[in-house]
Amino acid sequence: NTDLAGSSLLMGANGIIPVLAPLFPKLYLRLYHAASNRDVESTYKYQRIVCEAGRILTKGRNAVSAAKYSLSLLGFSSKRVTKPVEPLNEGEEADIRKYVAKINEKLNEIILEANA
């Protein structure tokens, strides 16, 4: 659970290990840098998106299937899971693809704002 990632970093944590970091590397790097620079406002902007991104893990039958499928979108791994873990169905996969696109859109909006 990365709901407290930004707060933890602001309070002195050395780092975080989010399962979805390979899917959204810019998001987690920007969160880390904002917190390291004590930029509370930016940290919480990125933290809100991190919390939304974490919901990907609830979009399927279980978090393992959702995480594996999400990372398979980038070619990092297969979406295949082993028993007793149930694979996602096509509807769940479609939901995750849409949600990943939504998170990337939100992140790009914040990056554009920051660069303006």
C-alpha atoms as a PDB file:
ATOM      1  CA  ASN A   1       0.000   0.000   0.000  1.00  0.00           C
ATOM      2  CA  THR A   2       1.493   3.316  -1.064  1.00  0.00           C
ATOM      3  CA  ASP A   3      -1.174   5.593   0.393  1.00  0.00           C
ATOM      4  CA  LEU A   4       1.369   7.004   2.851  1.00  0.00           C
ATOM      5  CA  ALA A   5       4.361   7.111   0.491  1.00  0.00           C
ATOM      6  CA  GLY A   6       4.518  10.901   0.180  1.00  0.00           C
ATOM      7  CA  SER A   7       4.036  11.494   3.894  1.00  0.00           C
ATOM      8  CA  SER A   8       6.624   8.862   4.750  1.00  0.00           C
ATOM      9  CA  LEU A   9       9.168  10.450   2.424  1.00  0.00           C
ATOM     10  CA  LEU A  10       8.462  13.911   3.817  1.00  0.00           C
ATOM     11  CA  MET A  11       9.017  12.539   7.321  1.00  0.00           C
ATOM     12  CA  GLY A  12      12.410  11.109   6.411  1.00  0.00           C
ATOM     13  CA  ALA A  13      11.890   7.681   4.856  1.00  0.00           C
ATOM     14  CA  ASN A  14      14.810   6.769   2.614  1.00  0.00           C
ATOM     15  CA  GLY A  15      12.573   5.430  -0.118  1.00  0.00           C
ATOM     16  CA  ILE A  16       9.578   3.344  -1.087  1.00  0.00           C
ATOM     17  CA  ILE A  17       9.153   0.108  -3.033  1.00  0.00           C
ATOM     18  CA  PRO A  18       5.893   0.397  -5.001  1.00  0.00           C
ATOM     19  CA  VAL A  19       4.828  -2.571  -7.120  1.00  0.00           C
ATOM     20  CA  LEU A  20       3.545  -0.230  -9.847  1.00  0.00           C
ATOM     21  CA  ALA A  21       6.740   1.841 -10.140  1.00  0.00           C
ATOM     22  CA  PRO A  22       7.752   0.173 -13.425  1.00  0.00           C
ATOM     23  CA  LEU A  23       4.370   1.134 -14.862  1.00  0.00           C
ATOM     24  CA  PHE A  24       4.564   4.783 -13.767  1.00  0.00           C
ATOM     25  CA  PRO A  25       8.263   5.577 -13.249  1.00  0.00           C
ATOM     26  CA  LYS A  26       7.849   9.333 -13.802  1.00  0.00           C
ATOM     27  CA  LEU A  27       5.132   9.473 -11.155  1.00  0.00           C
ATOM     28  CA  TYR A  28       7.148   7.778  -8.442  1.00  0.00           C
ATOM     29  CA  LEU A  29      10.349   9.666  -9.292  1.00  0.00           C
ATOM     30  CA  ARG A  30       8.538  12.993  -9.171  1.00  0.00           C
ATOM     31  CA  LEU A  31       6.935  12.044  -5.855  1.00  0.00           C
ATOM     32  CA  TYR A  32      10.340  11.137  -4.450  1.00  0.00           C
ATOM     33  CA  HIS A  33      12.044  14.299  -5.704  1.00  0.00           C
ATOM     34  CA  ALA A  34       9.224  16.559  -4.505  1.00  0.00           C
ATOM     35  CA  ALA A  35       9.349  15.019  -1.035  1.00  0.00           C
ATOM     36  CA  SER A  36      13.164  15.073  -0.941  1.00  0.00           C
ATOM     37  CA  ASN A  37      13.050  18.784  -1.757  1.00  0.00           C
ATOM     38  CA  ARG A  38      10.432  19.320   0.971  1.00  0.00           C
ATOM     39  CA  ASP A  39       7.955  20.576  -1.640  1.00  0.00           C
ATOM     40  CA  VAL A  40       4.835  19.620   0.284  1.00  0.00           C
ATOM     41  CA  GLU A  41       2.374  20.952  -2.292  1.00  0.00           C
ATOM     42  CA  SER A  42       3.912  18.991  -5.165  1.00  0.00           C
ATOM     43  CA  THR A  43       4.349  15.917  -2.985  1.00  0.00           C
ATOM     44  CA  TYR A  44       0.633  15.833  -2.277  1.00  0.00           C
ATOM     45  CA  LYS A  45      -0.261  16.424  -5.932  1.00  0.00           C
ATOM     46  CA  TYR A  46       1.753  13.372  -6.890  1.00  0.00           C
ATOM     47  CA  GLN A  47       0.539  11.435  -3.850  1.00  0.00           C
ATOM     48  CA  ARG A  48      -3.075  11.825  -4.969  1.00  0.00           C
ATOM     49  CA  ILE A  49      -2.190  10.223  -8.302  1.00  0.00           C
ATOM     50  CA  VAL A  50      -0.199   7.486  -6.531  1.00  0.00           C
ATOM     51  CA  CYS A  51      -3.317   6.675  -4.506  1.00  0.00           C
ATOM     52  CA  GLU A  52      -5.385   6.530  -7.680  1.00  0.00           C
ATOM     53  CA  ALA A  53      -2.774   4.349  -9.373  1.00  0.00           C
ATOM     54  CA  GLY A  54      -2.935   1.936  -6.451  1.00  0.00           C
ATOM     55  CA  ARG A  55      -6.569   1.290  -7.261  1.00  0.00           C
ATOM     56  CA  ILE A  56      -5.372  -0.659 -10.300  1.00  0.00           C
ATOM     57  CA  LEU A  57      -4.657  -3.461  -7.859  1.00  0.00           C
ATOM     58  CA  THR A  58      -8.369  -3.614  -6.994  1.00  0.00           C
ATOM     59  CA  LYS A  59      -9.586  -3.720 -10.601  1.00  0.00           C
ATOM     60  CA  GLY A  60      -9.326  -7.478 -10.948  1.00  0.00           C
ATOM     61  CA  ARG A  61      -9.987 -10.665  -9.055  1.00  0.00           C
ATOM     62  CA  ASN A  62      -6.903 -10.059  -6.930  1.00  0.00           C
ATOM     63  CA  ALA A  63      -3.946  -7.716  -6.666  1.00  0.00           C
ATOM     64  CA  VAL A  64      -1.405 -10.207  -8.030  1.00  0.00           C
ATOM     65  CA  SER A  65      -3.323 -10.732 -11.277  1.00  0.00           C
ATOM     66  CA  ALA A  66      -3.918  -6.999 -11.637  1.00  0.00           C
ATOM     67  CA  ALA A  67      -0.254  -6.143 -11.016  1.00  0.00           C
ATOM     68  CA  LYS A  68       1.057  -8.806 -13.388  1.00  0.00           C
ATOM     69  CA  TYR A  69      -1.341  -7.770 -16.121  1.00  0.00           C
ATOM     70  CA  SER A  70      -0.502  -4.074 -15.654  1.00  0.00           C
ATOM     71  CA  LEU A  71       3.220  -4.727 -15.969  1.00  0.00           C
ATOM     72  CA  SER A  72       2.652  -7.035 -18.936  1.00  0.00           C
ATOM     73  CA  LEU A  73       1.288  -4.017 -20.817  1.00  0.00           C
ATOM     74  CA  LEU A  74       4.879  -2.755 -20.953  1.00  0.00           C
ATOM     75  CA  GLY A  75       6.309  -6.140 -21.855  1.00  0.00           C
ATOM     76  CA  PHE A  76       8.054  -6.585 -18.497  1.00  0.00           C
ATOM     77  CA  SER A  77       6.391  -9.876 -17.738  1.00  0.00           C
ATOM     78  CA  SER A  78       3.697 -12.246 -18.777  1.00  0.00           C
ATOM     79  CA  LYS A  79       0.189 -11.754 -17.465  1.00  0.00           C
ATOM     80  CA  ARG A  80       0.162 -15.454 -16.604  1.00  0.00           C
ATOM     81  CA  VAL A  81      -0.401 -16.336 -12.958  1.00  0.00           C
ATOM     82  CA  THR A  82      -0.079 -19.695 -11.235  1.00  0.00           C
ATOM     83  CA  LYS A  83      -2.712 -21.481  -9.209  1.00  0.00           C
ATOM     84  CA  PRO A  84      -4.392 -20.793  -6.906  1.00  0.00           C
ATOM     85  CA  VAL A  85      -4.325 -17.230  -8.267  1.00  0.00           C
ATOM     86  CA  GLU A  86      -7.095 -16.635 -10.796  1.00  0.00           C
ATOM     87  CA  PRO A  87      -6.283 -14.810 -14.046  1.00  0.00           C
ATOM     88  CA  LEU A  88      -8.189 -11.706 -15.078  1.00  0.00           C
ATOM     89  CA  ASN A  89     -11.025 -11.908 -17.549  1.00  0.00           C
ATOM     90  CA  GLU A  90     -11.154  -9.738 -20.687  1.00  0.00           C
ATOM     91  CA  GLY A  91     -13.412  -7.167 -19.022  1.00  0.00           C
ATOM     92  CA  GLU A  92     -11.026  -6.728 -16.096  1.00  0.00           C
ATOM     93  CA  GLU A  93      -8.098  -6.388 -18.490  1.00  0.00           C
ATOM     94  CA  ALA A  94      -9.970  -3.716 -20.459  1.00  0.00           C
ATOM     95  CA  ASP A  95     -10.770  -1.841 -17.223  1.00  0.00           C
ATOM     96  CA  ILE A  96      -7.109  -1.852 -16.238  1.00  0.00           C
ATOM     97  CA  ARG A  97      -5.967  -0.623 -19.669  1.00  0.00           C
ATOM     98  CA  LYS A  98      -8.437   2.286 -19.453  1.00  0.00           C
ATOM     99  CA  TYR A  99      -7.391   3.084 -15.898  1.00  0.00           C
ATOM    100  CA  VAL A 100      -3.678   3.078 -16.785  1.00  0.00           C
ATOM    101  CA  ALA A 101      -4.416   5.545 -19.599  1.00  0.00           C
ATOM    102  CA  LYS A 102      -6.404   7.733 -17.169  1.00  0.00           C
ATOM    103  CA  ILE A 103      -3.528   7.814 -14.653  1.00  0.00           C
ATOM    104  CA  ASN A 104      -1.041   8.706 -17.392  1.00  0.00           C
ATOM    105  CA  GLU A 105      -3.307  11.555 -18.560  1.00  0.00           C
ATOM    106  CA  LYS A 106      -3.537  12.983 -15.037  1.00  0.00           C
ATOM    107  CA  LEU A 107       0.210  12.735 -14.560  1.00  0.00           C
ATOM    108  CA  ASN A 108       0.891  14.451 -17.877  1.00  0.00           C
ATOM    109  CA  GLU A 109      -1.473  17.294 -16.907  1.00  0.00           C
ATOM    110  CA  ILE A 110       0.436  17.884 -13.666  1.00  0.00           C
ATOM    111  CA  ILE A 111       3.788  17.727 -15.463  1.00  0.00           C
ATOM    112  CA  LEU A 112       2.576  20.305 -17.994  1.00  0.00           C
ATOM    113  CA  GLU A 113       1.384  22.560 -15.151  1.00  0.00           C
ATOM    114  CA  ALA A 114       4.749  22.259 -13.414  1.00  0.00           C
ATOM    115  CA  ASN A 115       6.626  23.127 -16.599  1.00  0.00           C
ATOM    116  CA  ALA A 116       4.408  26.115 -17.453  1.00  0.00           C
END
